[in-house]
C-alpha cells in the first residue's frame, strides 16, 4: 500500500474558513507539541490572510508567531503560503520586498514555502521560487483551479510542467472554492500526473463548499495524488477542507496508508472542540451539494457580505441579477479565477453594471489596471468592447508585472526608519503607521504584563530571541542553576 501524506491546515486555512481567521497564537501553542507528534507531511502555519488579520485585528506580530510555532514544533515541516508577487496582501510588491520577505520567512525557521499567482501567470512566481530555492526552502508551487472554457485539462497540465521547470519540489492543485468534482478529477488528475512525469509529488487542496471534496480526495488519490490537505475534524467540512480522520479512515479500502497517529488526532479533536466552545466558535459541518456554486463560483464569505451590503442599501432584490452579471463580467475579463482580489473586483463591477443600468458605465481603477495587464496575463482573451472602454488610452503592460515596479525598501527606510530589524522594515513596507501602532501597543502591553507576572519566563524568551547568545546560566540564592545552550534556547 502506498503512503499518502497529510498537510494539516487546522491552524491556517481551517480557521480562516470557519472562524474568520481569528485563531490566536495563544490558542495554538497548548496543542502544538502534540501536533508535532502526529506524523503530518507538513503543517501550515502562515499565509497572507493570517499575516494580515494578525496585524489588523489580533494585534499580534506575525513574525513572532512563526518563531514561536517553530520552537513548539521542532520535528515537523512547517509551511508558509505567499501570493507570489503580492506576498501577504492583494497588491503587487517590488522585487526587493519579495526577496527580503522570503529570506525573513526562512530566518524564522520555517522550512517550506507554498506560492501561487491568482491568475496562474507563472511570471508572478518566478522570483519567489528562485529566492526560496536560494534559501533552501522546500518549494511547493500551486495552480489555482477554476471552471471556464479556457481552463481545460491541457491548460493545467501545461502549467504544471512549467512549474516543475521553475524548480518546484511539489506541485499543488489549489481548489479554493471547492469546484472540483469526482468526474473532473478522473481526467484532470491523470493529465497533471502525466505532465509532471513522476518528477515531483502532486498535492490536492480542495474546500468542501460543494460537499464533494472528500469524494474528490479519494478519487484523486486513486489517480496519483500523493499528498492531500486536511483539517482536524472539529474544523473540517463546511467552508473548510476534508477531515484528516476521513482520509485516514478510508485508507485501507482504497489501497493507501498514512503515517498519522490516531491518538494524536483524537487529542487534537478534543482540544479544538473545547476551544471552539470556550470561544463561541462554530464547528465545521458537512454541507449539501449546491449546483448554484458552479454557476457563479463566488466564495461563500463574499456571498454573505454581498447580501448584507445590498440589504443595507435597500437593493437586496438585485442579488440574483448581480450574480448573473458577475458571470458575464468574468467572461468579458477572460475568465480570471474567482479568488481574492479578482473576486472582489468582479463583484464590484457586476454591482455597478446592474445598479446603474448600463454595463461598464463606471469602471473601477482596479478593473482598468487588470485590463492593462498590471496584475498579469488573463487566462483567456478579453471582450474587445470591454477592453476598449477599460483601457481608455492606458499603456498595456507586456513584461513581468514585478519588473515594472521600482525598488521600494530604501524609500521605506528613509521615510519610516530607522528599524531595529528587517522584520520591522517589512511590516512598514506592508502597512501604514496607523495600522501598525495598535499592534505595537498591544505587544508592549502584553510584554509588560509578562514581565510583571512571570519574570523568569520573560527572561528565557528574551534569551531565545538573541541569536548572539551562545550560552546562558540562571541561578537563585539557594544555589539552583539553569543552564541554556544556543540549541536549547
Protein backbone atom coordinates (compact mmCIF):
# COMPACT_ATOMS: atom_id res chain seq x y z
CA UNK A 1 0.00 0.00 0.00
CA UNK A 2 1.44 3.36 -0.97
CA UNK A 3 1.65 6.15 1.60
CA UNK A 4 -0.40 9.33 1.32
CA UNK A 5 0.83 12.40 3.15
CA UNK A 6 -1.37 14.85 5.04
CA UNK A 7 -0.73 18.60 5.13
CA UNK A 8 -2.53 19.87 8.24
CA UNK A 9 -4.40 23.15 7.68
CA UNK A 10 -6.13 23.36 11.09
CA UNK A 11 -4.04 26.32 12.22
CA UNK A 12 -4.22 28.05 8.83
CA UNK A 13 -6.98 27.63 6.26
CA UNK A 14 -9.45 25.82 8.53
CA UNK A 15 -9.98 28.67 10.97
CA UNK A 16 -9.65 31.14 8.09
CA UNK A 17 -12.67 29.42 6.51
CA UNK A 18 -14.75 28.84 9.65
CA UNK A 19 -13.62 31.35 12.28
CA UNK A 20 -12.82 34.41 10.20
CA UNK A 21 -9.07 33.80 10.73
CA UNK A 22 -9.40 34.56 14.45
CA UNK A 23 -7.29 31.77 15.95
CA UNK A 24 -4.61 33.45 18.06
CA UNK A 25 -1.10 32.23 18.75
CA UNK A 26 -2.14 31.59 22.35
CA UNK A 27 -4.85 29.22 21.11
CA UNK A 28 -2.36 27.18 19.07
CA UNK A 29 0.59 26.82 21.45
CA UNK A 30 -1.06 24.48 24.02
CA UNK A 31 -1.67 21.81 21.36
CA UNK A 32 1.42 22.48 19.22
CA UNK A 33 3.71 19.94 20.89
CA UNK A 34 1.08 17.23 20.43
CA UNK A 35 0.59 18.16 16.76
CA UNK A 36 4.35 17.81 16.36
CA UNK A 37 3.91 14.08 17.09
CA UNK A 38 1.10 13.45 14.57
CA UNK A 39 3.17 12.44 11.56
CA UNK A 40 1.96 15.17 9.19
CA UNK A 41 3.72 15.66 5.88
CA UNK A 42 3.71 19.36 6.79
CA UNK A 43 1.78 21.81 8.96
CA UNK A 44 0.52 25.12 7.54
CA UNK A 45 1.32 27.96 9.94
CA UNK A 46 1.38 31.14 7.83
CA UNK A 47 -0.34 32.84 4.90
CA UNK A 48 -1.44 36.19 3.55
CA UNK A 49 -4.79 36.17 5.35
CA UNK A 50 -3.22 35.09 8.65
CA UNK A 51 -0.50 37.72 8.41
CA UNK A 52 -2.99 40.49 7.68
CA UNK A 53 -5.54 39.54 10.35
CA UNK A 54 -2.83 39.15 12.97
CA UNK A 55 -1.68 42.71 12.37
CA UNK A 56 -5.05 44.41 11.88
CA UNK A 57 -7.35 42.57 14.27
CA UNK A 58 -5.48 40.21 16.60
CA UNK A 59 -2.75 42.81 17.30
CA UNK A 60 -0.07 40.12 17.04
CA UNK A 61 3.31 40.30 15.35
CA UNK A 62 3.18 37.63 12.59
CA UNK A 63 6.93 37.08 12.68
CA UNK A 64 6.68 36.26 16.40
CA UNK A 65 4.06 33.58 15.69
CA UNK A 66 6.25 31.86 13.11
CA UNK A 67 9.18 31.71 15.53
CA UNK A 68 7.00 30.54 18.41
CA UNK A 69 5.49 27.71 16.39
CA UNK A 70 8.90 26.68 15.11
CA UNK A 71 10.10 26.33 18.71
CA UNK A 72 6.96 24.48 19.73
CA UNK A 73 7.09 22.02 16.80
CA UNK A 74 10.78 21.31 16.21
CA UNK A 75 10.26 17.97 14.42
CA UNK A 76 7.61 18.97 11.88
CA UNK A 77 7.94 20.58 8.48
CA UNK A 78 6.25 23.97 8.76
CA UNK A 79 4.81 25.67 5.70
CA UNK A 80 4.05 29.31 4.88
CA UNK A 81 1.92 30.48 1.93
CA UNK A 82 2.53 33.51 -0.27
CA UNK A 83 0.52 35.03 -3.13
CA UNK A 84 3.51 35.26 -5.47
CA UNK A 85 4.45 38.85 -6.18
CA UNK A 86 1.63 40.02 -3.88
CA UNK A 87 3.11 38.28 -0.81
CA UNK A 88 0.69 38.73 2.11
CA UNK A 89 -1.65 41.28 0.53
CA UNK A 90 -3.58 41.91 -2.71
CA UNK A 91 -1.22 44.47 -4.27
CA UNK A 92 1.98 43.67 -6.15
CA UNK A 93 5.26 44.44 -4.43
CA UNK A 94 8.66 45.36 -5.80
CA UNK A 95 11.24 42.62 -6.25
CA UNK A 96 13.38 43.76 -3.32
CA UNK A 97 10.41 43.45 -0.96
CA UNK A 98 9.57 39.96 -2.23
CA UNK A 99 13.17 38.86 -1.93
CA UNK A 100 13.58 40.07 1.67
CA UNK A 101 10.20 38.70 2.80
CA UNK A 102 11.11 35.17 1.73
CA UNK A 103 14.53 35.40 3.36
CA UNK A 104 12.92 36.51 6.62
CA UNK A 105 10.43 33.63 6.47
CA UNK A 106 13.38 31.26 6.18
CA UNK A 107 15.12 33.05 9.06
CA UNK A 108 12.21 32.25 11.40
CA UNK A 109 12.91 28.54 10.94
CA UNK A 110 10.08 27.83 8.51
CA UNK A 111 11.34 25.19 6.09
CA UNK A 112 8.61 25.13 3.42
CA UNK A 113 7.13 27.74 1.12
CA UNK A 114 3.98 27.42 -0.99
CA UNK A 115 3.37 30.15 -3.51
CA UNK A 116 0.92 30.77 -6.35
CA UNK A 117 -0.48 33.50 -8.55
CA UNK A 118 -4.26 34.06 -8.55
CA UNK A 119 -4.20 34.46 -12.34
CA UNK A 120 -1.90 31.47 -12.86
CA UNK A 121 0.52 33.88 -14.54
CA UNK A 122 3.70 32.00 -13.73
CA UNK A 123 5.83 35.11 -14.24
CA UNK A 124 4.45 36.28 -10.89
CA UNK A 125 6.02 33.33 -9.03
CA UNK A 126 9.39 33.25 -10.79
CA UNK A 127 11.15 35.47 -8.26
CA UNK A 128 9.66 33.90 -5.14
CA UNK A 129 10.54 30.44 -6.48
CA UNK A 130 14.13 31.45 -7.16
CA UNK A 131 14.66 33.08 -3.77
CA UNK A 132 13.03 30.16 -1.95
CA UNK A 133 15.48 27.76 -3.58
CA UNK A 134 18.39 30.03 -2.68
CA UNK A 135 17.25 29.95 0.95
CA UNK A 136 16.98 26.17 1.00
CA UNK A 137 13.21 26.16 1.42
CA UNK A 138 11.21 23.16 0.22
CA UNK A 139 9.18 24.75 -2.57
CA UNK A 140 5.58 23.94 -3.48
CA UNK A 141 4.19 25.79 -6.50
CA UNK A 142 0.41 25.87 -6.84
CA UNK A 143 -2.11 26.22 -9.64
CA UNK A 144 -5.41 27.93 -8.82
CA UNK A 145 -8.28 25.71 -10.02
CA UNK A 146 -11.44 27.06 -11.61
CA UNK A 147 -14.06 26.28 -14.25
CA UNK A 148 -14.24 28.06 -17.61
CA UNK A 149 -14.00 27.30 -21.32
CA UNK A 150 -10.26 28.07 -21.25
CA UNK A 151 -9.33 26.20 -18.05
CA UNK A 152 -9.07 22.80 -19.70
CA UNK A 153 -7.07 19.77 -18.57
CA UNK A 154 -4.47 20.72 -21.18
CA UNK A 155 -4.26 24.26 -19.71
CA UNK A 156 -3.47 22.96 -16.23
CA UNK A 157 -1.13 20.24 -17.49
CA UNK A 158 0.94 22.72 -19.49
CA UNK A 159 1.38 24.98 -16.49
CA UNK A 160 2.18 22.09 -14.16
CA UNK A 161 5.09 21.14 -16.41
CA UNK A 162 6.25 24.76 -16.38
CA UNK A 163 6.15 24.82 -12.56
CA UNK A 164 8.39 21.77 -12.43
CA UNK A 165 10.82 23.64 -14.68
CA UNK A 166 10.80 26.54 -12.19
CA UNK A 167 12.26 24.24 -9.55
CA UNK A 168 9.17 23.09 -7.67
CA UNK A 169 9.74 20.26 -5.19
CA UNK A 170 5.99 19.58 -5.18
CA UNK A 171 3.05 20.70 -7.33
CA UNK A 172 -0.31 21.64 -5.78
CA UNK A 173 -3.75 21.91 -7.33
CA UNK A 174 -5.46 24.58 -5.21
CA UNK A 175 -9.27 24.48 -5.35
CA UNK A 176 -10.14 27.37 -3.05
CA UNK A 177 -13.84 27.49 -3.94
CA UNK A 178 -14.48 23.74 -3.87
CA UNK A 179 -15.42 23.36 -7.54
CA UNK A 180 -13.66 20.08 -8.28
CA UNK A 181 -15.94 17.10 -8.93
CA UNK A 182 -15.04 13.40 -8.90
CA UNK A 183 -15.74 13.25 -12.63
CA UNK A 184 -13.35 16.10 -13.39
CA UNK A 185 -10.76 14.51 -11.11
CA UNK A 186 -10.94 11.41 -13.32
CA UNK A 187 -9.50 13.38 -16.24
CA UNK A 188 -7.60 16.28 -14.68
CA UNK A 189 -5.50 14.38 -12.14
CA UNK A 190 -4.16 11.86 -14.71
CA UNK A 191 -3.33 14.80 -17.02
CA UNK A 192 -1.36 16.52 -14.25
CA UNK A 193 0.41 13.30 -13.25
CA UNK A 194 1.43 12.74 -16.87
CA UNK A 195 2.66 16.34 -17.23
CA UNK A 196 4.73 16.08 -14.06
CA UNK A 197 6.08 12.75 -15.22
CA UNK A 198 6.87 11.42 -11.76
CA UNK A 199 9.50 14.09 -11.20
CA UNK A 200 7.77 15.60 -8.14
CA UNK A 201 4.76 14.67 -5.94
CA UNK A 202 1.29 16.08 -6.65
CA UNK A 203 -0.80 17.64 -3.87
CA UNK A 204 -4.53 18.44 -3.75
CA UNK A 205 -6.18 21.21 -1.72
CA UNK A 206 -9.97 21.44 -2.04
CA UNK A 207 -12.67 23.05 0.09
CA UNK A 208 -15.95 21.36 0.98
CA UNK A 209 -18.41 24.05 -0.14
CA UNK A 210 -20.00 21.78 -2.76
CA UNK A 211 -19.91 18.80 -0.41
CA UNK A 212 -17.83 16.83 -2.93
CA UNK A 213 -14.26 17.42 -1.71
CA UNK A 214 -13.99 14.22 0.41
CA UNK A 215 -15.06 12.11 -2.58
CA UNK A 216 -12.67 14.05 -4.82
CA UNK A 217 -9.79 13.27 -2.45
CA UNK A 218 -10.40 9.52 -2.66
CA UNK A 219 -10.74 9.64 -6.44
CA UNK A 220 -7.63 11.85 -6.80
CA UNK A 221 -5.57 9.50 -4.63
CA UNK A 222 -6.57 6.62 -6.88
CA UNK A 223 -5.26 8.61 -9.87
CA UNK A 224 -1.88 9.50 -8.37
CA UNK A 225 -2.23 12.38 -5.88
CA UNK A 226 0.14 11.55 -3.02
CA UNK A 227 -0.49 14.46 -0.60
CA UNK A 228 -3.83 15.97 0.46
CA UNK A 229 -4.66 18.96 2.65
CA UNK A 230 -6.92 18.29 5.64
CA UNK A 231 -8.08 19.68 8.97
CA UNK A 232 -8.82 18.23 12.39
CA UNK A 233 -12.45 17.04 12.47
CA UNK A 234 -13.89 19.98 14.51
CA UNK A 235 -12.55 22.48 11.96
CA UNK A 236 -13.20 20.41 8.82
CA UNK A 237 -16.06 20.44 6.28
CA UNK A 238 -18.38 23.36 5.55
CA UNK A 239 -16.29 26.12 4.01
CA UNK A 240 -13.17 24.34 5.27
CA UNK A 241 -11.38 21.24 3.94
CA UNK A 242 -11.96 17.49 4.42
CA UNK A 243 -11.20 15.94 7.80
CA UNK A 244 -7.90 14.18 8.35
CA UNK A 245 -9.87 11.46 10.13
CA UNK A 246 -11.88 10.81 6.94
CA UNK A 247 -8.76 10.33 4.82
CA UNK A 248 -7.09 8.10 7.41
CA UNK A 249 -10.23 6.01 7.96
CA UNK A 250 -10.74 5.29 4.26
CA UNK A 251 -7.15 4.29 3.53
CA UNK A 252 -7.49 0.50 3.85
CA UNK A 253 -10.46 0.40 1.45
CA UNK A 254 -8.61 2.43 -1.18
CA UNK A 255 -5.19 0.78 -1.07
CA UNK A 256 -3.24 3.52 0.68
CA UNK A 257 -2.00 4.22 4.18
CA UNK A 258 -0.96 7.31 6.14
CA UNK A 259 1.62 7.93 8.85
CA UNK A 260 -0.89 9.74 11.05
CA UNK A 261 -1.04 8.83 14.76
CA UNK A 262 -4.72 8.20 15.60
CA UNK A 263 -4.18 9.04 19.28
CA UNK A 264 -2.82 12.46 18.37
CA UNK A 265 -5.81 13.11 16.11
CA UNK A 266 -8.18 12.28 18.98
CA UNK A 267 -6.31 14.68 21.24
CA UNK A 268 -6.42 17.40 18.58
CA UNK A 269 -10.14 16.89 18.04
CA UNK A 270 -10.83 17.10 21.77
CA UNK A 271 -8.71 20.22 22.12
CA UNK A 272 -10.19 22.14 19.17
CA UNK A 273 -13.74 21.14 20.13
CA UNK A 274 -13.19 22.54 23.61
CA UNK A 275 -11.51 25.60 22.15
CA UNK A 276 -14.48 26.28 19.88
CA UNK A 277 -16.90 26.02 22.78
CA UNK A 278 -14.76 28.20 25.05
CA UNK A 279 -14.58 30.98 22.44
CA UNK A 280 -18.07 30.54 20.96
CA UNK A 281 -16.71 29.49 17.58
CA UNK A 282 -18.58 27.24 15.12
CA UNK A 283 -17.68 23.64 14.41
CA UNK A 284 -17.45 22.54 10.79
CA UNK A 285 -20.46 20.67 9.40
CA UNK A 286 -20.92 18.78 6.11
CA UNK A 287 -22.89 20.74 3.51
CA UNK A 288 -25.36 19.70 0.85
CA UNK A 289 -24.42 19.77 -2.82
CA UNK A 290 -25.18 23.22 -4.24
CA UNK A 291 -25.41 23.43 -8.07
CA UNK A 292 -25.54 27.26 -7.91
CA UNK A 293 -21.91 27.31 -6.80
CA UNK A 294 -20.84 26.09 -10.24
CA UNK A 295 -22.69 28.95 -11.98
CA UNK A 296 -21.36 31.95 -10.07
CA UNK A 297 -18.24 30.42 -8.37
CA UNK A 298 -18.31 33.21 -5.76
CA UNK A 299 -16.68 32.25 -2.42
CA UNK A 300 -19.10 31.82 0.49
CA UNK A 301 -17.76 34.71 2.53
CA UNK A 302 -18.29 37.08 -0.37
CA UNK A 303 -21.87 35.86 -0.87
CA UNK A 304 -22.82 36.71 2.72
CA UNK A 305 -21.02 40.07 2.60
CA UNK A 306 -22.72 40.99 -0.67
CA UNK A 307 -26.17 40.15 0.69
CA UNK A 308 -25.55 42.25 3.78
CA UNK A 309 -24.36 45.23 1.75
CA UNK A 310 -27.34 45.01 -0.62
CA UNK A 311 -29.78 44.82 2.29
CA UNK A 312 -28.13 47.81 3.93
CA UNK A 313 -28.60 49.75 0.68
CA UNK A 314 -32.18 48.54 0.23
CA UNK A 315 -31.50 46.74 -3.06
CA UNK A 316 -31.36 43.11 -1.96
CA UNK A 317 -33.86 42.32 -4.74
CA UNK A 318 -30.96 42.72 -7.21
CA UNK A 319 -28.93 39.91 -5.65
CA UNK A 320 -29.66 37.25 -8.29
CA UNK A 321 -29.18 39.74 -11.14
CA UNK A 322 -25.77 40.71 -9.75
CA UNK A 323 -24.66 37.07 -9.55
CA UNK A 324 -25.78 36.55 -13.15
CA UNK A 325 -23.94 39.70 -14.23
CA UNK A 326 -20.89 38.54 -12.31
CA UNK A 327 -20.64 35.55 -14.67
CA UNK A 328 -20.88 37.87 -17.70
CA UNK A 329 -18.20 40.20 -16.31
CA UNK A 330 -15.90 37.24 -15.71
CA UNK A 331 -16.27 36.15 -19.33
CA UNK A 332 -15.53 39.70 -20.52
CA UNK A 333 -12.36 39.72 -18.41
CA UNK A 334 -11.00 36.49 -19.87
CA UNK A 335 -12.15 34.17 -17.04
CA UNK A 336 -9.96 35.10 -14.06
CA UNK A 337 -10.06 32.64 -11.16
CA UNK A 338 -12.73 33.74 -8.67
CA UNK A 339 -10.36 34.30 -5.75
CA UNK A 340 -9.10 37.40 -3.97
CA UNK A 341 -8.60 40.05 -5.14
CA UNK A 342 -10.23 39.40 -8.51
CA UNK A 343 -13.41 38.02 -6.98
CA UNK A 344 -13.93 41.34 -5.19
CA UNK A 345 -13.12 43.30 -8.35
CA UNK A 346 -15.67 41.38 -10.42
CA UNK A 347 -18.45 41.55 -7.84
CA UNK A 348 -17.95 45.31 -7.58
CA UNK A 349 -18.10 45.72 -11.37
CA UNK A 350 -21.18 43.50 -11.63
CA UNK A 351 -22.95 45.50 -8.92
CA UNK A 352 -22.20 48.78 -10.71
CA UNK A 353 -23.43 47.37 -14.02
CA UNK A 354 -26.74 46.24 -12.52
CA UNK A 355 -27.42 49.24 -10.29
CA UNK A 356 -26.50 51.83 -12.93
CA UNK A 357 -28.44 50.01 -15.66
CA UNK A 358 -25.57 50.29 -18.14
CA UNK A 359 -22.71 47.85 -18.48
CA UNK A 360 -19.31 49.44 -17.76
CA UNK A 361 -20.69 52.94 -17.38
CA UNK A 362 -18.36 53.14 -14.39
CA UNK A 363 -15.17 51.06 -14.30
CA UNK A 364 -13.16 50.92 -11.04
CA UNK A 365 -9.46 51.64 -11.30
CA UNK A 366 -8.61 48.07 -10.22
CA UNK A 367 -10.50 46.70 -13.23
CA UNK A 368 -8.69 49.15 -15.52
CA UNK A 369 -5.34 48.00 -14.11
CA UNK A 370 -6.35 44.39 -14.67
CA UNK A 371 -7.30 45.13 -18.28
CA UNK A 372 -3.93 46.81 -18.82
CA UNK A 373 -2.05 43.73 -17.63
CA UNK A 374 -0.74 45.35 -14.47
CA UNK A 375 -1.62 42.25 -12.41
CA UNK A 376 -0.58 39.75 -15.08
CA UNK A 377 -1.96 37.91 -18.10
CA UNK A 378 -5.59 36.77 -18.15
CA UNK A 379 -6.25 33.12 -18.93
CA UNK A 380 -8.37 33.90 -21.98
CA UNK A 381 -8.97 36.80 -24.39
CA UNK A 382 -10.89 39.78 -23.06
CA UNK A 383 -14.02 41.12 -24.75
CA UNK A 384 -12.90 43.80 -27.27
CA UNK A 385 -15.65 46.30 -26.36
CA UNK A 386 -14.93 45.97 -22.64
CA UNK A 387 -11.19 46.25 -23.27
CA UNK A 388 -11.59 49.44 -25.29
CA UNK A 389 -13.66 51.12 -22.57
CA UNK A 390 -11.43 49.90 -19.74
CA UNK A 391 -8.09 50.89 -21.25
CA UNK A 392 -9.16 54.35 -22.42
CA UNK A 393 -5.64 55.17 -23.55
CA UNK A 394 -3.75 53.25 -20.83
CA UNK A 395 -0.49 51.60 -21.83
CA UNK A 396 -0.70 47.81 -21.81
CA UNK A 397 1.94 46.04 -19.70
CA UNK A 398 3.54 43.14 -21.57
CA UNK A 399 6.50 42.34 -19.31
CA UNK A 400 6.54 40.64 -15.92
CA UNK A 401 4.49 42.96 -13.65
CA UNK A 402 7.06 42.94 -10.84
CA UNK A 403 9.73 44.21 -13.21
CA UNK A 404 7.72 47.40 -13.72
CA UNK A 405 7.91 48.35 -10.04
CA UNK A 406 10.88 50.35 -8.71
CA UNK A 407 12.81 49.08 -5.70
CA UNK A 408 10.97 50.12 -2.55
CA UNK A 409 12.94 49.29 0.60
CA UNK A 410 15.35 52.23 0.52
CA UNK A 411 12.40 54.62 0.39
CA UNK A 412 10.75 52.86 3.34
CA UNK A 413 14.00 53.10 5.32
CA UNK A 414 14.36 56.82 4.65
CA UNK A 415 10.72 57.72 5.32
CA UNK A 416 9.87 55.37 8.19
CA UNK A 417 13.21 54.25 9.66
CA UNK A 418 15.41 53.51 11.38
CA UNK A 419 14.29 49.94 12.13
CA UNK A 420 15.61 47.52 14.71
CA UNK A 421 15.49 44.64 12.23
CA UNK A 422 14.33 43.61 8.78
CA UNK A 423 11.08 42.17 10.14
CA UNK A 424 10.03 45.64 11.24
CA UNK A 425 11.20 47.07 7.91
CA UNK A 426 8.90 44.68 6.06
CA UNK A 427 5.95 45.45 8.32
CA UNK A 428 6.44 49.11 7.41
CA UNK A 429 6.57 48.19 3.72
CA UNK A 430 3.23 46.37 4.03
CA UNK A 431 1.33 48.69 6.39
CA UNK A 432 0.95 52.32 7.36
CA UNK A 433 1.95 53.52 10.81
CA UNK A 434 -1.75 53.95 11.66
CA UNK A 435 -2.25 50.19 11.14
CA UNK A 436 0.93 49.13 12.96
CA UNK A 437 0.61 51.39 16.02
CA UNK A 438 -2.25 49.44 17.70
CA UNK A 439 -0.38 46.16 17.16
CA UNK A 440 2.78 47.56 18.71
CA UNK A 441 0.86 48.97 21.67
CA UNK A 442 -0.80 45.62 22.30
CA UNK A 443 2.52 43.82 22.10
CA UNK A 444 4.13 46.24 24.56
CA UNK A 445 1.23 45.81 26.99
CA UNK A 446 1.46 42.03 26.78
CA UNK A 447 5.21 42.19 27.28
CA UNK A 448 4.83 44.39 30.37
CA UNK A 449 2.22 42.02 31.78
CA UNK A 450 4.52 39.04 31.22
CA UNK A 451 7.44 40.80 32.90
CA UNK A 452 5.30 41.52 35.94
CA UNK A 453 3.59 38.10 36.08
CA UNK A 454 6.43 35.69 35.31
CA UNK A 455 9.82 37.35 35.07
CA UNK A 456 11.70 34.04 34.69
CA UNK A 457 9.73 33.01 31.60
CA UNK A 458 10.11 36.53 30.21
CA UNK A 459 13.88 36.30 30.65
CA UNK A 460 14.05 32.89 28.96
CA UNK A 461 12.01 34.09 25.98
CA UNK A 462 14.16 37.18 25.65
CA UNK A 463 17.25 34.97 25.59
CA UNK A 464 15.60 32.78 22.97
CA UNK A 465 15.29 35.77 20.65
CA UNK A 466 19.01 36.63 20.97
CA UNK A 467 20.96 34.71 18.35
CA UNK A 468 24.19 36.28 19.59
CA UNK A 469 23.89 34.44 22.92
CA UNK A 470 25.52 31.01 22.78
CA UNK A 471 25.24 30.09 26.46
CA UNK A 472 23.37 31.43 29.49
CA UNK A 473 23.20 30.40 33.15
CA UNK A 474 20.42 31.47 35.52
CA UNK A 475 20.73 30.97 39.27
CA UNK A 476 18.96 31.81 42.52
CA UNK A 477 20.11 32.43 46.10
CA UNK A 478 19.56 28.77 47.03
CA UNK A 479 22.21 27.71 44.56
CA UNK A 480 19.85 26.29 41.89
CA UNK A 481 21.21 26.71 38.40
CA UNK A 482 19.57 26.55 34.96
CA UNK A 483 21.96 26.37 32.04
CA UNK A 484 20.85 27.11 28.48
CA UNK A 485 22.84 26.49 25.33
CA UNK A 486 22.05 28.03 21.96
CA UNK A 487 20.39 24.80 20.79
CA UNK A 488 18.07 24.60 23.81
CA UNK A 489 17.28 28.28 23.71
